[in-house]
Amino acid sequence: MLEKVQYEPKYAWEQLELEAKKMSALGADYILVHFPYFKHQISGNANKLIKEGLKKLAVIQQKYSIPIICEPKLGYNRSTAGINYLHTFPIEIWNKYNIKIFRVSPFF
């Protein structure tokens, strides 16, 4: 959704919106998305891309009244770039958009 993987980001966002509309109508409790996902390190501003993505997720979440939960995912060849970007991203900005992060508890 932040960079081309299999599809262009524009198409991925359109697909997510269609799924949110459908899942909301079916009464789903939430939608799980792999976000932020980066194939590998980027030369651009990762924080800017994540913030723009959070804004879009918040709009979809509000429009269809369905919570969106994000789960970070390793990139190509198990790249930790996206997870590293997430760790350095200001949590205050994340919280501003009311998007949840899936976390596995070591005590779960």
PDB file of N, CA and C in Angstrom:
ATOM      1  N   MET A   1       0.812  -1.177   0.000  1.00  0.00           N
ATOM      2  CA  MET A   1       0.000   0.000   0.000  1.00  0.00           C
ATOM      3  C   MET A   1       0.866   1.257   0.000  1.00  0.00           C
ATOM      4  N   LEU A   2       2.110   1.114   0.470  1.00  0.00           N
ATOM      5  CA  LEU A   2       3.007   2.265   0.501  1.00  0.00           C
ATOM      6  C   LEU A   2       3.960   2.289  -0.677  1.00  0.00           C
ATOM      7  N   GLU A   3       4.185   1.131  -1.260  1.00  0.00           N
ATOM      8  CA  GLU A   3       5.035   1.033  -2.450  1.00  0.00           C
ATOM      9  C   GLU A   3       4.550  -0.155  -3.283  1.00  0.00           C
ATOM     10  N   LYS A   4       4.943  -0.174  -4.525  1.00  0.00           N
ATOM     11  CA  LYS A   4       4.497  -1.266  -5.391  1.00  0.00           C
ATOM     12  C   LYS A   4       5.110  -2.581  -4.927  1.00  0.00           C
ATOM     13  N   VAL A   5       4.240  -3.560  -4.740  1.00  0.00           N
ATOM     14  CA  VAL A   5       4.683  -4.915  -4.442  1.00  0.00           C
ATOM     15  C   VAL A   5       4.206  -5.751  -5.624  1.00  0.00           C
ATOM     16  N   GLN A   6       2.975  -6.187  -5.582  1.00  0.00           N
ATOM     17  CA  GLN A   6       2.401  -6.873  -6.726  1.00  0.00           C
ATOM     18  C   GLN A   6       1.562  -5.900  -7.548  1.00  0.00           C
ATOM     19  N   TYR A   7       0.961  -4.935  -6.865  1.00  0.00           N
ATOM     20  CA  TYR A   7       0.109  -3.936  -7.503  1.00  0.00           C
ATOM     21  C   TYR A   7       0.592  -2.541  -7.131  1.00  0.00           C
ATOM     22  N   GLU A   8       0.189  -1.573  -7.919  1.00  0.00           N
ATOM     23  CA  GLU A   8       0.478  -0.179  -7.602  1.00  0.00           C
ATOM     24  C   GLU A   8      -0.280   0.204  -6.336  1.00  0.00           C
ATOM     25  N   PRO A   9       0.283   1.085  -5.505  1.00  0.00           N
ATOM     26  CA  PRO A   9      -0.395   1.486  -4.274  1.00  0.00           C
ATOM     27  C   PRO A   9      -1.818   1.999  -4.490  1.00  0.00           C
ATOM     28  N   LYS A  10      -2.056   2.745  -5.542  1.00  0.00           N
ATOM     29  CA  LYS A  10      -3.396   3.275  -5.803  1.00  0.00           C
ATOM     30  C   LYS A  10      -4.416   2.136  -5.885  1.00  0.00           C
ATOM     31  N   TYR A  11      -4.062   1.077  -6.571  1.00  0.00           N
ATOM     32  CA  TYR A  11      -4.953  -0.073  -6.713  1.00  0.00           C
ATOM     33  C   TYR A  11      -5.143  -0.783  -5.371  1.00  0.00           C
ATOM     34  N   ALA A  12      -4.071  -0.895  -4.593  1.00  0.00           N
ATOM     35  CA  ALA A  12      -4.162  -1.551  -3.280  1.00  0.00           C
ATOM     36  C   ALA A  12      -5.108  -0.783  -2.357  1.00  0.00           C
ATOM     37  N   TRP A  13      -5.058   0.540  -2.381  1.00  0.00           N
ATOM     38  CA  TRP A  13      -5.959   1.350  -1.559  1.00  0.00           C
ATOM     39  C   TRP A  13      -7.407   1.175  -2.013  1.00  0.00           C
ATOM     40  N   GLU A  14      -7.612   1.129  -3.318  1.00  0.00           N
ATOM     41  CA  GLU A  14      -8.976   0.916  -3.833  1.00  0.00           C
ATOM     42  C   GLU A  14      -9.507  -0.434  -3.376  1.00  0.00           C
ATOM     43  N   GLN A  15      -8.664  -1.461  -3.425  1.00  0.00           N
ATOM     44  CA  GLN A  15      -9.069  -2.799  -2.991  1.00  0.00           C
ATOM     45  C   GLN A  15      -9.408  -2.813  -1.501  1.00  0.00           C
ATOM     46  N   LEU A  16      -8.587  -2.136  -0.699  1.00  0.00           N
ATOM     47  CA  LEU A  16      -8.855  -2.091   0.735  1.00  0.00           C
ATOM     48  C   LEU A  16     -10.193  -1.412   1.003  1.00  0.00           C
ATOM     49  N   GLU A  17     -10.471  -0.333   0.305  1.00  0.00           N
ATOM     50  CA  GLU A  17     -11.743   0.352   0.519  1.00  0.00           C
ATOM     51  C   GLU A  17     -12.920  -0.536   0.143  1.00  0.00           C
ATOM     52  N   LEU A  18     -12.806  -1.261  -0.968  1.00  0.00           N
ATOM     53  CA  LEU A  18     -13.876  -2.184  -1.353  1.00  0.00           C
ATOM     54  C   LEU A  18     -14.077  -3.277  -0.302  1.00  0.00           C
ATOM     55  N   GLU A  19     -12.988  -3.791   0.217  1.00  0.00           N
ATOM     56  CA  GLU A  19     -13.070  -4.833   1.254  1.00  0.00           C
ATOM     57  C   GLU A  19     -13.676  -4.278   2.540  1.00  0.00           C
ATOM     58  N   ALA A  20     -13.306  -3.059   2.905  1.00  0.00           N
ATOM     59  CA  ALA A  20     -13.858  -2.444   4.112  1.00  0.00           C
ATOM     60  C   ALA A  20     -15.364  -2.265   3.978  1.00  0.00           C
ATOM     61  N   LYS A  21     -15.794  -1.818   2.823  1.00  0.00           N
ATOM     62  CA  LYS A  21     -17.230  -1.633   2.583  1.00  0.00           C
ATOM     63  C   LYS A  21     -17.959  -2.975   2.709  1.00  0.00           C
ATOM     64  N   LYS A  22     -17.401  -3.994   2.080  1.00  0.00           N
ATOM     65  CA  LYS A  22     -18.000  -5.324   2.086  1.00  0.00           C
ATOM     66  C   LYS A  22     -18.013  -5.929   3.491  1.00  0.00           C
ATOM     67  N   MET A  23     -16.886  -5.873   4.181  1.00  0.00           N
ATOM     68  CA  MET A  23     -16.790  -6.468   5.513  1.00  0.00           C
ATOM     69  C   MET A  23     -17.661  -5.732   6.521  1.00  0.00           C
ATOM     70  N   SER A  24     -17.763  -4.430   6.395  1.00  0.00           N
ATOM     71  CA  SER A  24     -18.636  -3.656   7.271  1.00  0.00           C
ATOM     72  C   SER A  24     -20.090  -4.077   7.086  1.00  0.00           C
ATOM     73  N   ALA A  25     -20.499  -4.224   5.828  1.00  0.00           N
ATOM     74  CA  ALA A  25     -21.878  -4.636   5.531  1.00  0.00           C
ATOM     75  C   ALA A  25     -22.164  -6.042   6.054  1.00  0.00           C
ATOM     76  N   LEU A  26     -21.143  -6.887   6.093  1.00  0.00           N
ATOM     77  CA  LEU A  26     -21.315  -8.255   6.585  1.00  0.00           C
ATOM     78  C   LEU A  26     -21.206  -8.360   8.102  1.00  0.00           C
ATOM     79  N   GLY A  27     -20.875  -7.252   8.759  1.00  0.00           N
ATOM     80  CA  GLY A  27     -20.793  -7.238  10.217  1.00  0.00           C
ATOM     81  C   GLY A  27     -19.475  -7.710  10.804  1.00  0.00           C
ATOM     82  N   ALA A  28     -18.407  -7.647  10.018  1.00  0.00           N
ATOM     83  CA  ALA A  28     -17.097  -8.058  10.532  1.00  0.00           C
ATOM     84  C   ALA A  28     -16.689  -7.173  11.713  1.00  0.00           C
ATOM     85  N   ASP A  29     -15.947  -7.749  12.633  1.00  0.00           N
ATOM     86  CA  ASP A  29     -15.505  -7.008  13.812  1.00  0.00           C
ATOM     87  C   ASP A  29     -14.363  -6.037  13.495  1.00  0.00           C
ATOM     88  N   TYR A  30     -13.517  -6.390  12.518  1.00  0.00           N
ATOM     89  CA  TYR A  30     -12.381  -5.549  12.149  1.00  0.00           C
ATOM     90  C   TYR A  30     -11.774  -6.053  10.840  1.00  0.00           C
ATOM     91  N   ILE A  31     -10.834  -5.266  10.319  1.00  0.00           N
ATOM     92  CA  ILE A  31     -10.049  -5.666   9.151  1.00  0.00           C
ATOM     93  C   ILE A  31      -8.584  -5.645   9.579  1.00  0.00           C
ATOM     94  N   LEU A  32      -7.840  -6.689   9.248  1.00  0.00           N
ATOM     95  CA  LEU A  32      -6.420  -6.774   9.536  1.00  0.00           C
ATOM     96  C   LEU A  32      -5.649  -6.473   8.254  1.00  0.00           C
ATOM     97  N   VAL A  33      -4.723  -5.525   8.333  1.00  0.00           N
ATOM     98  CA  VAL A  33      -3.902  -5.188   7.159  1.00  0.00           C
ATOM     99  C   VAL A  33      -2.427  -5.259   7.535  1.00  0.00           C
ATOM    100  N   HIS A  34      -1.594  -5.646   6.582  1.00  0.00           N
ATOM    101  CA  HIS A  34      -0.150  -5.627   6.796  1.00  0.00           C
ATOM    102  C   HIS A  34       0.325  -4.209   6.518  1.00  0.00           C
ATOM    103  N   PHE A  35       0.555  -3.483   7.601  1.00  0.00           N
ATOM    104  CA  PHE A  35       0.950  -2.077   7.500  1.00  0.00           C
ATOM    105  C   PHE A  35       1.764  -1.724   8.729  1.00  0.00           C
ATOM    106  N   PRO A  36       2.864  -1.029   8.616  1.00  0.00           N
ATOM    107  CA  PRO A  36       3.491  -0.641   7.366  1.00  0.00           C
ATOM    108  C   PRO A  36       4.283  -1.807   6.785  1.00  0.00           C
ATOM    109  N   TYR A  37       4.264  -1.912   5.490  1.00  0.00           N
ATOM    110  CA  TYR A  37       5.019  -2.948   4.798  1.00  0.00           C
ATOM    111  C   TYR A  37       5.946  -2.282   3.795  1.00  0.00           C
ATOM    112  N   PHE A  38       7.217  -2.575   3.910  1.00  0.00           N
ATOM    113  CA  PHE A  38       8.215  -2.111   2.948  1.00  0.00           C
ATOM    114  C   PHE A  38       9.001  -3.325   2.486  1.00  0.00           C
ATOM    115  N   LYS A  39       9.240  -3.423   1.192  1.00  0.00           N
ATOM    116  CA  LYS A  39       9.996  -4.554   0.657  1.00  0.00           C
ATOM    117  C   LYS A  39      11.400  -4.586   1.251  1.00  0.00           C
ATOM    118  N   HIS A  40      11.992  -3.405   1.378  1.00  0.00           N
ATOM    119  CA  HIS A  40      13.352  -3.256   1.904  1.00  0.00           C
ATOM    120  C   HIS A  40      13.543  -1.786   2.253  1.00  0.00           C
ATOM    121  N   GLN A  41      14.725  -1.416   2.679  1.00  0.00           N
ATOM    122  CA  GLN A  41      14.972  -0.014   3.015  1.00  0.00           C
ATOM    123  C   GLN A  41      14.684   0.872   1.814  1.00  0.00           C
ATOM    124  N   ILE A  42      14.206   2.083   2.102  1.00  0.00           N
ATOM    125  CA  ILE A  42      13.916   3.023   1.028  1.00  0.00           C
ATOM    126  C   ILE A  42      14.822   4.240   1.167  1.00  0.00           C
ATOM    127  N   SER A  43      14.953   4.977   0.091  1.00  0.00           N
ATOM    128  CA  SER A  43      15.772   6.182   0.132  1.00  0.00           C
ATOM    129  C   SER A  43      14.951   7.408   0.522  1.00  0.00           C
ATOM    130  N   GLY A  44      13.625   7.283   0.462  1.00  0.00           N
ATOM    131  CA  GLY A  44      12.743   8.403   0.805  1.00  0.00           C
ATOM    132  C   GLY A  44      12.444   8.478   2.291  1.00  0.00           C
ATOM    133  N   ASN A  45      11.472   9.300   2.615  1.00  0.00           N
ATOM    134  CA  ASN A  45      11.077   9.536   4.002  1.00  0.00           C
ATOM    135  C   ASN A  45       9.994   8.531   4.418  1.00  0.00           C
ATOM    136  N   ALA A  46      10.401   7.511   5.140  1.00  0.00           N
ATOM    137  CA  ALA A  46       9.463   6.460   5.562  1.00  0.00           C
ATOM    138  C   ALA A  46       8.394   7.021   6.499  1.00  0.00           C
ATOM    139  N   ASN A  47       8.767   7.921   7.397  1.00  0.00           N
ATOM    140  CA  ASN A  47       7.776   8.489   8.314  1.00  0.00           C
ATOM    141  C   ASN A  47       6.668   9.214   7.561  1.00  0.00           C
ATOM    142  N   LYS A  48       7.028   9.913   6.516  1.00  0.00           N
ATOM    143  CA  LYS A  48       6.027  10.625   5.715  1.00  0.00           C
ATOM    144  C   LYS A  48       5.070   9.626   5.062  1.00  0.00           C
ATOM    145  N   LEU A  49       5.606   8.547   4.504  1.00  0.00           N
ATOM    146  CA  LEU A  49       4.763   7.526   3.875  1.00  0.00           C
ATOM    147  C   LEU A  49       3.834   6.859   4.890  1.00  0.00           C
ATOM    148  N   ILE A  50       4.362   6.555   6.063  1.00  0.00           N
ATOM    149  CA  ILE A  50       3.537   5.920   7.094  1.00  0.00           C
ATOM    150  C   ILE A  50       2.427   6.871   7.523  1.00  0.00           C
ATOM    151  N   LYS A  51       2.756   8.139   7.738  1.00  0.00           N
ATOM    152  CA  LYS A  51       1.745   9.112   8.162  1.00  0.00           C
ATOM    153  C   LYS A  51       0.649   9.257   7.105  1.00  0.00           C
ATOM    154  N   GLU A  52       1.027   9.346   5.844  1.00  0.00           N
ATOM    155  CA  GLU A  52       0.035   9.439   4.768  1.00  0.00           C
ATOM    156  C   GLU A  52      -0.845   8.193   4.743  1.00  0.00           C
ATOM    157  N   GLY A  53      -0.234   7.029   4.965  1.00  0.00           N
ATOM    158  CA  GLY A  53      -0.992   5.787   5.014  1.00  0.00           C
ATOM    159  C   GLY A  53      -1.964   5.755   6.183  1.00  0.00           C
ATOM    160  N   LEU A  54      -1.528   6.230   7.337  1.00  0.00           N
ATOM    161  CA  LEU A  54      -2.412   6.276   8.503  1.00  0.00           C
ATOM    162  C   LEU A  54      -3.616   7.172   8.255  1.00  0.00           C
ATOM    163  N   LYS A  55      -3.384   8.287   7.584  1.00  0.00           N
ATOM    164  CA  LYS A  55      -4.496   9.189   7.252  1.00  0.00           C
ATOM    165  C   LYS A  55      -5.526   8.464   6.387  1.00  0.00           C
ATOM    166  N   LYS A  56      -5.048   7.740   5.385  1.00  0.00           N
ATOM    167  CA  LYS A  56      -5.952   7.008   4.491  1.00  0.00           C
ATOM    168  C   LYS A  56      -6.688   5.903   5.236  1.00  0.00           C
ATOM    169  N   LEU A  57      -5.976   5.185   6.094  1.00  0.00           N
ATOM    170  CA  LEU A  57      -6.615   4.133   6.882  1.00  0.00           C
ATOM    171  C   LEU A  57      -7.697   4.715   7.783  1.00  0.00           C
ATOM    172  N   ALA A  58      -7.424   5.861   8.392  1.00  0.00           N
ATOM    173  CA  ALA A  58      -8.396   6.496   9.277  1.00  0.00           C
ATOM    174  C   ALA A  58      -9.657   6.903   8.525  1.00  0.00           C
ATOM    175  N   VAL A  59      -9.491   7.406   7.312  1.00  0.00           N
ATOM    176  CA  VAL A  59     -10.650   7.794   6.504  1.00  0.00           C
ATOM    177  C   VAL A  59     -11.511   6.571   6.191  1.00  0.00           C
ATOM    178  N   ILE A  60     -10.871   5.486   5.786  1.00  0.00           N
ATOM    179  CA  ILE A  60     -11.608   4.254   5.462  1.00  0.00           C
ATOM    180  C   ILE A  60     -12.288   3.702   6.709  1.00  0.00           C
ATOM    181  N   GLN A  61     -11.568   3.690   7.823  1.00  0.00           N
ATOM    182  CA  GLN A  61     -12.114   3.187   9.074  1.00  0.00           C
ATOM    183  C   GLN A  61     -13.365   3.971   9.475  1.00  0.00           C
ATOM    184  N   GLN A  62     -13.295   5.268   9.369  1.00  0.00           N
ATOM    185  CA  GLN A  62     -14.431   6.111   9.755  1.00  0.00           C
ATOM    186  C   GLN A  62     -15.576   5.994   8.745  1.00  0.00           C
ATOM    187  N   LYS A  63     -15.237   5.988   7.472  1.00  0.00           N
ATOM    188  CA  LYS A  63     -16.259   5.937   6.427  1.00  0.00           C
ATOM    189  C   LYS A  63     -17.126   4.691   6.532  1.00  0.00           C
ATOM    190  N   TYR A  64     -16.506   3.552   6.853  1.00  0.00           N
ATOM    191  CA  TYR A  64     -17.233   2.285   6.879  1.00  0.00           C
ATOM    192  C   TYR A  64     -17.488   1.756   8.292  1.00  0.00           C
ATOM    193  N   SER A  65     -17.157   2.544   9.284  1.00  0.00           N
ATOM    194  CA  SER A  65     -17.391   2.173  10.688  1.00  0.00           C
ATOM    195  C   SER A  65     -16.891   0.770  11.017  1.00  0.00           C
ATOM    196  N   ILE A  66     -15.657   0.498  10.602  1.00  0.00           N
ATOM    197  CA  ILE A  66     -15.051  -0.803  10.901  1.00  0.00           C
ATOM    198  C   ILE A  66     -13.609  -0.556  11.348  1.00  0.00           C
ATOM    199  N   PRO A  67     -13.241  -1.079  12.517  1.00  0.00           N
ATOM    200  CA  PRO A  67     -11.871  -0.881  12.990  1.00  0.00           C
ATOM    201  C   PRO A  67     -10.853  -1.529  12.050  1.00  0.00           C
ATOM    202  N   ILE A  68      -9.736  -0.844  11.893  1.00  0.00           N
ATOM    203  CA  ILE A  68      -8.625  -1.384  11.115  1.00  0.00           C
ATOM    204  C   ILE A  68      -7.489  -1.656  12.089  1.00  0.00           C
ATOM    205  N   ILE A  69      -6.986  -2.871  12.041  1.00  0.00           N
ATOM    206  CA  ILE A  69      -5.862  -3.272  12.880  1.00  0.00           C
ATOM    207  C   ILE A  69      -4.689  -3.571  11.964  1.00  0.00           C
ATOM    208  N   CYS A  70      -3.555  -2.967  12.280  1.00  0.00           N
ATOM    209  CA  CYS A  70      -2.365  -3.146  11.449  1.00  0.00           C
ATOM    210  C   CYS A  70      -1.430  -4.177  12.064  1.00  0.00           C
ATOM    211  N   GLU A  71      -0.867  -4.983  11.198  1.00  0.00           N
ATOM    212  CA  GLU A  71       0.119  -5.982  11.603  1.00  0.00           C
ATOM    213  C   GLU A  71       1.355  -5.785  10.732  1.00  0.00           C
ATOM    214  N   PRO A  72       2.468  -5.380  11.336  1.00  0.00           N
ATOM    215  CA  PRO A  72       3.687  -5.226  10.538  1.00  0.00           C
ATOM    216  C   PRO A  72       4.131  -6.582   9.994  1.00  0.00           C
ATOM    217  N   LYS A  73       4.816  -6.556   8.874  1.00  0.00           N
ATOM    218  CA  LYS A  73       5.239  -7.792   8.226  1.00  0.00           C
ATOM    219  C   LYS A  73       6.644  -7.607   7.672  1.00  0.00           C
ATOM    220  N   LEU A  74       7.433  -8.659   7.734  1.00  0.00           N
ATOM    221  CA  LEU A  74       8.772  -8.604   7.150  1.00  0.00           C
ATOM    222  C   LEU A  74       8.678  -8.411   5.642  1.00  0.00           C
ATOM    223  N   GLY A  75       9.662  -7.735   5.075  1.00  0.00           N
ATOM    224  CA  GLY A  75       9.702  -7.513   3.636  1.00  0.00           C
ATOM    225  C   GLY A  75      10.353  -8.677   2.905  1.00  0.00           C
ATOM    226  N   TYR A  76      10.779  -8.407   1.671  1.00  0.00           N
ATOM    227  CA  TYR A  76      11.444  -9.439   0.870  1.00  0.00           C
ATOM    228  C   TYR A  76      12.686  -9.944   1.593  1.00  0.00           C
ATOM    229  N   ASN A  77      12.928 -11.227   1.461  1.00  0.00           N
ATOM    230  CA  ASN A  77      14.091 -11.866   2.079  1.00  0.00           C
ATOM    231  C   ASN A  77      14.173 -11.565   3.573  1.00  0.00           C
ATOM    232  N   ARG A  78      13.004 -11.480   4.206  1.00  0.00           N
ATOM    233  CA  ARG A  78      12.888 -11.241   5.647  1.00  0.00           C
ATOM    234  C   ARG A  78      13.465  -9.888   6.075  1.00  0.00           C
ATOM    235  N   SER A  79      13.372  -8.905   5.206  1.00  0.00           N
ATOM    236  CA  SER A  79      13.850  -7.556   5.522  1.00  0.00           C
ATOM    237  C   SER A  79      13.066  -6.998   6.706  1.00  0.00           C
ATOM    238  N   THR A  80      13.774  -6.432   7.657  1.00  0.00           N
ATOM    239  CA  THR A  80      13.140  -5.830   8.830  1.00  0.00           C
ATOM    240  C   THR A  80      12.918  -4.327   8.660  1.00  0.00           C
ATOM    241  N   ALA A  81      13.148  -3.804   7.478  1.00  0.00           N
ATOM    242  CA  ALA A  81      13.070  -2.355   7.253  1.00  0.00           C
ATOM    243  C   ALA A  81      11.750  -1.764   7.733  1.00  0.00           C
ATOM    244  N   GLY A  82      10.625  -2.338   7.326  1.00  0.00           N
ATOM    245  CA  GLY A  82       9.326  -1.794   7.712  1.00  0.00           C
ATOM    246  C   GLY A  82       9.098  -1.814   9.206  1.00  0.00           C
ATOM    247  N   ILE A  83       9.522  -2.876   9.854  1.00  0.00           N
ATOM    248  CA  ILE A  83       9.366  -2.973  11.307  1.00  0.00           C
ATOM    249  C   ILE A  83      10.291  -1.971  11.997  1.00  0.00           C
ATOM    250  N   ASN A  84      11.493  -1.796  11.456  1.00  0.00           N
ATOM    251  CA  ASN A  84      12.398  -0.786  12.005  1.00  0.00           C
ATOM    252  C   ASN A  84      11.811   0.613  11.853  1.00  0.00           C
ATOM    253  N   TYR A  85      11.208   0.895  10.701  1.00  0.00           N
ATOM    254  CA  TYR A  85      10.571   2.203  10.505  1.00  0.00           C
ATOM    255  C   TYR A  85       9.433   2.390  11.511  1.00  0.00           C
ATOM    256  N   LEU A  86       8.688   1.349  11.755  1.00  0.00           N
ATOM    257  CA  LEU A  86       7.592   1.429  12.715  1.00  0.00           C
ATOM    258  C   LEU A  86       8.116   1.761  14.113  1.00  0.00           C
ATOM    259  N   HIS A  87       9.221   1.148  14.501  1.00  0.00           N
ATOM    260  CA  HIS A  87       9.787   1.382  15.832  1.00  0.00           C
ATOM    261  C   HIS A  87      10.266   2.816  16.024  1.00  0.00           C
ATOM    262  N   THR A  88      10.646   3.477  14.945  1.00  0.00           N
ATOM    263  CA  THR A  88      11.121   4.854  15.071  1.00  0.00           C
ATOM    264  C   THR A  88      10.038   5.888  14.756  1.00  0.00           C
ATOM    265  N   PHE A  89       8.864   5.423  14.360  1.00  0.00           N
ATOM    266  CA  PHE A  89       7.771   6.335  14.039  1.00  0.00           C
ATOM    267  C   PHE A  89       7.145   6.853  15.339  1.00  0.00           C
ATOM    268  N   PRO A  90       6.870   8.155  15.424  1.00  0.00           N
ATOM    269  CA  PRO A  90       6.294   8.715  16.656  1.00  0.00           C
ATOM    270  C   PRO A  90       4.916   8.118  16.971  1.00  0.00           C
ATOM    271  N   ILE A  91       4.796   7.508  18.131  1.00  0.00           N
ATOM    272  CA  ILE A  91       3.556   6.851  18.533  1.00  0.00           C
ATOM    273  C   ILE A  91       2.422   7.863  18.672  1.00  0.00           C
ATOM    274  N   GLU A  92       2.750   9.106  18.984  1.00  0.00           N
ATOM    275  CA  GLU A  92       1.711  10.137  19.114  1.00  0.00           C
ATOM    276  C   GLU A  92       0.964  10.334  17.799  1.00  0.00           C
ATOM    277  N   ILE A  93       1.690  10.272  16.711  1.00  0.00           N
ATOM    278  CA  ILE A  93       1.054  10.429  15.389  1.00  0.00           C
ATOM    279  C   ILE A  93       0.185   9.211  15.105  1.00  0.00           C
ATOM    280  N   TRP A  94       0.694   8.036  15.424  1.00  0.00           N
ATOM    281  CA  TRP A  94      -0.069   6.800  15.227  1.00  0.00           C
ATOM    282  C   TRP A  94      -1.386   6.883  15.997  1.00  0.00           C
ATOM    283  N   ASN A  95      -1.313   7.281  17.260  1.00  0.00           N
ATOM    284  CA  ASN A  95      -2.498   7.371  18.116  1.00  0.00           C
ATOM    285  C   ASN A  95      -3.495   8.415  17.611  1.00  0.00           C
ATOM    286  N   LYS A  96      -2.993   9.470  17.021  1.00  0.00           N
ATOM    287  CA  LYS A  96      -3.854  10.548  16.505  1.00  0.00           C
ATOM    288  C   LYS A  96      -4.905  10.006  15.536  1.00  0.00           C
ATOM    289  N   TYR A  97      -4.552   8.986  14.773  1.00  0.00           N
ATOM    290  CA  TYR A  97      -5.449   8.440  13.759  1.00  0.00           C
ATOM    291  C   TYR A  97      -6.284   7.258  14.252  1.00  0.00           C
ATOM    292  N   ASN A  98      -6.099   6.876  15.512  1.00  0.00           N
ATOM    293  CA  ASN A  98      -6.900   5.827  16.142  1.00  0.00           C
ATOM    294  C   ASN A  98      -6.871   4.500  15.366  1.00  0.00           C
ATOM    295  N   ILE A  99      -5.695   4.162  14.884  1.00  0.00           N
ATOM    296  CA  ILE A  99      -5.497   2.889  14.196  1.00  0.00           C
ATOM    297  C   ILE A  99      -4.749   1.975  15.169  1.00  0.00           C
ATOM    298  N   LYS A 100      -5.228   0.768  15.333  1.00  0.00           N
ATOM    299  CA  LYS A 100      -4.630  -0.176  16.282  1.00  0.00           C
ATOM    300  C   LYS A 100      -3.513  -0.986  15.622  1.00  0.00           C
ATOM    301  N   ILE A 101      -2.600  -1.457  16.461  1.00  0.00           N
ATOM    302  CA  ILE A 101      -1.496  -2.303  16.008  1.00  0.00           C
ATOM    303  C   ILE A 101      -1.652  -3.667  16.664  1.00  0.00           C
ATOM    304  N   PHE A 102      -1.587  -4.722  15.860  1.00  0.00           N
ATOM    305  CA  PHE A 102      -1.638  -6.094  16.370  1.00  0.00           C
ATOM    306  C   PHE A 102      -0.287  -6.395  17.009  1.00  0.00           C
ATOM    307  N   ARG A 103      -0.327  -6.779  18.268  1.00  0.00           N
ATOM    308  CA  ARG A 103       0.904  -7.121  18.978  1.00  0.00           C
ATOM    309  C   ARG A 103       0.719  -8.488  19.615  1.00  0.00           C
ATOM    310  N   VAL A 104       1.702  -9.311  19.459  1.00  0.00           N
ATOM    311  CA  VAL A 104       1.675 -10.620  20.089  1.00  0.00           C
ATOM    312  C   VAL A 104       2.367 -10.477  21.436  1.00  0.00           C
ATOM    313  N   SER A 105       1.659 -10.805  22.482  1.00  0.00           N
ATOM    314  CA  SER A 105       2.218 -10.737  23.824  1.00  0.00           C
ATOM    315  C   SER A 105       3.083 -11.955  24.085  1.00  0.00           C
ATOM    316  N   PRO A 106       4.229 -11.765  24.730  1.00  0.00           N
ATOM    317  CA  PRO A 106       5.047 -12.944  25.063  1.00  0.00           C
ATOM    318  C   PRO A 106       4.381 -13.823  26.114  1.00  0.00           C
ATOM    319  N   PHE A 107       3.330 -13.308  26.742  1.00  0.00           N
ATOM    320  CA  PHE A 107       2.615 -14.074  27.754  1.00  0.00           C
ATOM    321  C   PHE A 107       1.312 -14.634  27.242  1.00  0.00           C
ATOM    322  N   PHE A 108       1.082 -14.550  25.947  1.00  0.00           N
ATOM    323  CA  PHE A 108      -0.189 -14.956  25.332  1.00  0.00           C
ATOM    324  C   PHE A 108      -0.283 -16.439  25.206  1.00  0.00           C
TER     325      PHE A 108
END
